[in-house]
Amino acid sequence: MDIRLVLCGVMLFVSAYFDLKSREVEDRLWWIFGALGLALTAAEALLGFNPNQLLMYLASTAVSGAVAFTLYYLGFYGGADAKALLVCALITPIFDRHLTIHPFTPLIILVNSTILTASLAIYYGLSNLIRILSGEKIFEGLEHEPIYRKALASIFGFRVKSKVGSFYFLMEKEECGKRRFNFNLLRVDEDFTSKEDVWVTPGIPLLAFMAAGFVVAVFFGDLLAYILKALVMLATLL
């Protein structure tokens, strides 16, 4: 297997482990793997590098870095997630196997991980539906909320009766003496909650989903490309 893919995979799985364990990753990891990526590029250049490939490497690093840190500064995720994508660009800037829309590896991983993260909405939706059908009053104290907001809450999180795990955000707030759902998606600087009998939403370990997105990219390709292909095929049948 391509040594670049191996290094990228190792980096993502190591970072995923720390993300799941503590939601923190030391910068030392990014420095080590970033240096290895640059060393591989330098070695390839010395051994007779294709100038066009070098341009693609630079384009991937520039575009991926810009997207990664723009999303970070907008508050969509933490600094570790942005650094992971940038280092992915240094290690494996180009990926041209299987079905893809473009060859920029970090962006393929980012899109794959975003699509995989949507699986949480399906899980929470089904879980909350089962709780409702079993007679559990998960909306007690929030009956005044419109049904569409209750539906959104059901796919973004769940109600906990006792103290929840370490990495959950409070998904409700008080307005005019009433409890209301809070669907703020930009929670990077928000503290995790330890309250009981409240609605919570998980602090998503995005690096773990990036590792999964990387595996999907290696064995299948770009999930968005497959989705678009399926939509085009469906449109031709209608």
Protein backbone atom coordinates (compact mmCIF):
# COMPACT_ATOMS: atom_id res chain seq x y z
CA MET A 1 0.00 0.00 0.00
CA ASP A 2 1.09 3.60 -0.63
CA ILE A 3 3.19 4.76 2.32
CA ARG A 4 1.40 8.10 2.22
CA LEU A 5 -1.95 6.39 2.82
CA VAL A 6 -0.46 4.33 5.64
CA LEU A 7 0.94 7.41 7.39
CA CYS A 8 -2.30 9.33 6.94
CA GLY A 9 -4.30 6.42 8.32
CA VAL A 10 -2.03 6.03 11.34
CA MET A 11 -2.24 9.74 12.10
CA LEU A 12 -6.03 9.82 11.86
CA PHE A 13 -6.54 6.72 13.99
CA VAL A 14 -4.13 7.94 16.68
CA SER A 15 -5.83 11.35 16.75
CA ALA A 16 -9.25 9.64 16.81
CA TYR A 17 -8.20 7.69 19.90
CA PHE A 18 -7.29 10.86 21.80
CA ASP A 19 -10.40 12.65 20.53
CA LEU A 20 -12.64 9.89 21.87
CA LYS A 21 -10.70 9.70 25.13
CA SER A 22 -10.38 13.37 26.06
CA ARG A 23 -11.48 15.54 23.09
CA GLU A 24 -7.91 16.88 23.06
CA VAL A 25 -4.95 16.11 20.79
CA GLU A 26 -1.42 17.35 21.44
CA ASP A 27 0.10 19.54 18.72
CA ARG A 28 3.15 17.27 18.75
CA LEU A 29 1.19 14.72 16.71
CA TRP A 30 0.56 17.22 13.90
CA TRP A 31 4.20 18.38 13.86
CA ILE A 32 5.51 14.82 13.59
CA PHE A 33 3.23 13.72 10.78
CA GLY A 34 3.40 17.07 8.99
CA ALA A 35 7.20 16.78 8.93
CA LEU A 36 6.95 13.22 7.59
CA GLY A 37 4.65 14.41 4.81
CA LEU A 38 7.02 17.19 3.82
CA ALA A 39 9.95 14.76 3.95
CA LEU A 40 8.18 12.40 1.54
CA THR A 41 7.50 15.26 -0.88
CA ALA A 42 11.13 16.39 -0.68
CA ALA A 43 12.33 12.82 -1.33
CA GLU A 44 10.07 12.51 -4.36
CA ALA A 45 11.38 15.84 -5.67
CA LEU A 46 14.98 14.65 -5.37
CA LEU A 47 14.15 11.39 -7.15
CA GLY A 48 12.63 13.12 -10.15
CA PHE A 49 9.36 14.80 -9.34
CA ASN A 50 6.69 15.55 -11.94
CA PRO A 51 6.23 19.37 -11.90
CA ASN A 52 2.51 18.99 -12.62
CA GLN A 53 2.16 16.72 -9.61
CA LEU A 54 3.94 19.28 -7.45
CA LEU A 55 1.42 21.90 -8.56
CA MET A 56 -1.42 19.56 -7.59
CA TYR A 57 0.22 18.99 -4.19
CA LEU A 58 0.46 22.74 -3.63
CA ALA A 59 -3.12 23.29 -4.80
CA SER A 60 -4.42 20.58 -2.47
CA THR A 61 -2.54 22.01 0.50
CA ALA A 62 -3.68 25.58 -0.23
CA VAL A 63 -7.34 24.75 -0.88
CA SER A 64 -7.65 22.21 1.93
CA GLY A 65 -5.90 24.48 4.41
CA ALA A 66 -8.12 27.41 3.46
CA VAL A 67 -11.31 25.37 3.83
CA ALA A 68 -10.14 23.72 7.05
CA PHE A 69 -9.24 26.93 8.86
CA THR A 70 -12.19 28.90 7.49
CA LEU A 71 -14.54 26.34 9.07
CA TYR A 72 -12.51 26.53 12.27
CA TYR A 73 -12.67 30.32 12.49
CA LEU A 74 -16.41 30.19 11.77
CA GLY A 75 -16.74 27.92 14.81
CA PHE A 76 -17.89 24.71 13.13
CA TYR A 77 -15.22 22.61 14.84
CA GLY A 78 -12.03 22.82 16.91
CA GLY A 79 -8.46 23.60 16.00
CA ALA A 80 -7.41 19.93 16.10
CA ASP A 81 -9.87 19.12 13.30
CA ALA A 82 -8.48 21.90 11.11
CA LYS A 83 -4.89 20.82 11.80
CA ALA A 84 -5.77 17.23 10.95
CA LEU A 85 -7.03 18.25 7.52
CA LEU A 86 -3.99 20.41 6.83
CA VAL A 87 -1.59 17.61 7.80
CA CYS A 88 -3.60 15.19 5.65
CA ALA A 89 -2.83 17.54 2.76
CA LEU A 90 0.88 17.40 3.57
CA ILE A 91 0.91 13.61 3.83
CA THR A 92 -1.60 12.55 1.15
CA PRO A 93 -2.56 15.61 -0.88
CA ILE A 94 -3.93 13.74 -3.90
CA PHE A 95 -6.23 10.73 -4.09
CA ASP A 96 -7.29 9.46 -7.51
CA ARG A 97 -8.68 6.00 -6.83
CA HIS A 98 -12.31 4.92 -7.10
CA LEU A 99 -15.10 7.41 -7.80
CA THR A 100 -14.32 10.99 -6.75
CA ILE A 101 -15.50 14.49 -7.68
CA HIS A 102 -12.03 15.98 -7.21
CA PRO A 103 -8.58 14.64 -6.23
CA PHE A 104 -8.01 16.60 -2.98
CA THR A 105 -7.75 13.95 -0.25
CA PRO A 106 -8.51 16.14 2.82
CA LEU A 107 -11.72 17.48 1.28
CA ILE A 108 -12.84 13.96 0.35
CA ILE A 109 -12.22 12.90 3.96
CA LEU A 110 -14.07 15.97 5.29
CA VAL A 111 -17.14 15.36 3.12
CA ASN A 112 -17.14 11.62 3.88
CA SER A 113 -16.93 12.30 7.62
CA THR A 114 -19.74 14.86 7.43
CA ILE A 115 -22.01 12.36 5.67
CA LEU A 116 -21.11 9.64 8.17
CA THR A 117 -21.83 12.02 11.05
CA ALA A 118 -25.41 12.24 9.74
CA SER A 119 -25.82 8.63 10.88
CA LEU A 120 -26.07 10.01 14.43
CA ALA A 121 -29.28 11.81 13.47
CA ILE A 122 -30.78 8.52 12.28
CA TYR A 123 -29.72 6.78 15.49
CA TYR A 124 -31.10 9.47 17.79
CA GLY A 125 -34.29 9.77 15.75
CA LEU A 126 -35.04 6.05 15.98
CA SER A 127 -34.00 5.88 19.64
CA ASN A 128 -36.27 8.76 20.62
CA LEU A 129 -39.15 7.35 18.58
CA ILE A 130 -38.85 4.06 20.47
CA ARG A 131 -38.87 5.95 23.78
CA ILE A 132 -42.01 7.85 22.76
CA LEU A 133 -43.80 4.68 21.61
CA SER A 134 -42.89 2.99 24.88
CA GLY A 135 -44.73 5.75 26.73
CA GLU A 136 -41.76 7.75 28.01
CA LYS A 137 -42.52 11.48 28.39
CA ILE A 138 -39.33 12.83 26.87
CA PHE A 139 -40.88 16.26 26.17
CA GLU A 140 -42.16 16.84 29.71
CA GLY A 141 -41.66 20.51 30.58
CA LEU A 142 -41.28 21.32 26.89
CA GLU A 143 -44.83 20.56 25.74
CA HIS A 144 -45.24 24.16 24.53
CA GLU A 145 -42.52 23.68 21.89
CA PRO A 146 -43.85 23.32 18.31
CA ILE A 147 -43.81 19.81 16.87
CA TYR A 148 -41.14 20.70 14.30
CA ARG A 149 -38.77 21.79 17.08
CA LYS A 150 -39.49 18.57 18.97
CA ALA A 151 -38.66 16.66 15.78
CA LEU A 152 -35.36 18.56 15.42
CA ALA A 153 -34.49 17.89 19.04
CA SER A 154 -35.16 14.19 18.49
CA ILE A 155 -32.53 13.91 15.76
CA PHE A 156 -29.92 16.18 17.38
CA GLY A 157 -29.92 14.67 20.87
CA PHE A 158 -31.86 13.03 23.67
CA ARG A 159 -33.17 13.58 27.18
CA VAL A 160 -31.12 12.27 30.08
CA LYS A 161 -32.68 11.42 33.43
CA SER A 162 -29.44 11.08 35.37
CA LYS A 163 -25.94 12.49 34.89
CA VAL A 164 -24.77 11.92 31.33
CA GLY A 165 -21.25 11.17 30.09
CA SER A 166 -18.43 13.68 29.93
CA PHE A 167 -18.85 15.08 26.43
CA TYR A 168 -22.39 16.41 26.02
CA PHE A 169 -23.70 19.95 25.53
CA LEU A 170 -26.91 21.26 27.03
CA MET A 171 -29.54 21.48 24.28
CA GLU A 172 -32.02 23.71 26.03
CA LYS A 173 -32.20 27.16 27.63
CA GLU A 174 -34.66 29.23 29.61
CA GLU A 175 -36.58 32.06 27.96
CA CYS A 176 -39.25 34.09 29.78
CA GLY A 177 -39.46 31.46 32.49
CA LYS A 178 -39.96 28.61 29.99
CA ARG A 179 -37.63 25.85 28.89
CA ARG A 180 -36.81 26.05 25.19
CA PHE A 181 -34.70 23.93 22.90
CA ASN A 182 -31.36 25.43 21.88
CA PHE A 183 -30.16 24.36 18.44
CA ASN A 184 -26.95 26.38 18.36
CA LEU A 185 -24.53 24.34 16.23
CA LEU A 186 -21.44 26.45 16.98
CA ARG A 187 -20.46 25.08 20.38
CA VAL A 188 -16.66 24.92 20.16
CA ASP A 189 -16.13 27.28 23.13
CA GLU A 190 -19.10 26.03 25.16
CA ASP A 191 -18.60 23.94 28.29
CA PHE A 192 -19.94 20.39 28.55
CA THR A 193 -22.91 19.96 30.88
CA SER A 194 -23.34 17.87 34.00
CA LYS A 195 -27.03 18.66 34.55
CA GLU A 196 -29.68 15.97 34.98
CA ASP A 197 -33.14 15.53 33.45
CA VAL A 198 -32.33 17.79 30.49
CA TRP A 199 -31.95 17.50 26.73
CA VAL A 200 -28.35 17.15 25.56
CA THR A 201 -26.50 16.85 22.27
CA PRO A 202 -23.11 15.15 21.88
CA GLY A 203 -19.81 16.89 21.41
CA ILE A 204 -19.07 14.98 18.21
CA PRO A 205 -15.58 13.44 18.07
CA LEU A 206 -15.05 14.61 14.51
CA LEU A 207 -11.55 13.12 14.28
CA ALA A 208 -13.07 9.67 14.81
CA PHE A 209 -15.46 10.33 11.94
CA MET A 210 -12.54 11.62 9.84
CA ALA A 211 -10.75 8.32 10.44
CA ALA A 212 -13.89 6.50 9.29
CA GLY A 213 -14.18 8.86 6.32
CA PHE A 214 -10.59 8.06 5.40
CA VAL A 215 -11.30 4.30 5.43
CA VAL A 216 -14.35 4.85 3.22
CA ALA A 217 -12.24 6.95 0.82
CA VAL A 218 -9.54 4.27 0.56
CA PHE A 219 -11.92 1.39 -0.10
CA PHE A 220 -14.82 3.11 -1.88
CA GLY A 221 -14.00 6.73 -2.73
CA ASP A 222 -16.01 9.93 -2.38
CA LEU A 223 -19.44 9.32 -0.83
CA LEU A 224 -20.78 12.57 -2.29
CA ALA A 225 -19.78 11.38 -5.76
CA TYR A 226 -21.76 8.18 -5.25
CA ILE A 227 -24.77 10.13 -3.99
CA LEU A 228 -24.69 12.49 -6.97
CA LYS A 229 -24.25 9.56 -9.35
CA ALA A 230 -27.28 7.84 -7.82
CA LEU A 231 -29.34 11.02 -8.12
CA VAL A 232 -28.37 11.42 -11.79
CA MET A 233 -29.29 7.79 -12.50
CA LEU A 234 -32.60 8.28 -10.67
CA ALA A 235 -33.32 11.43 -12.67
CA THR A 236 -32.76 9.59 -15.95
CA LEU A 237 -35.31 6.97 -14.92
CA LEU A 238 -38.02 9.50 -14.14
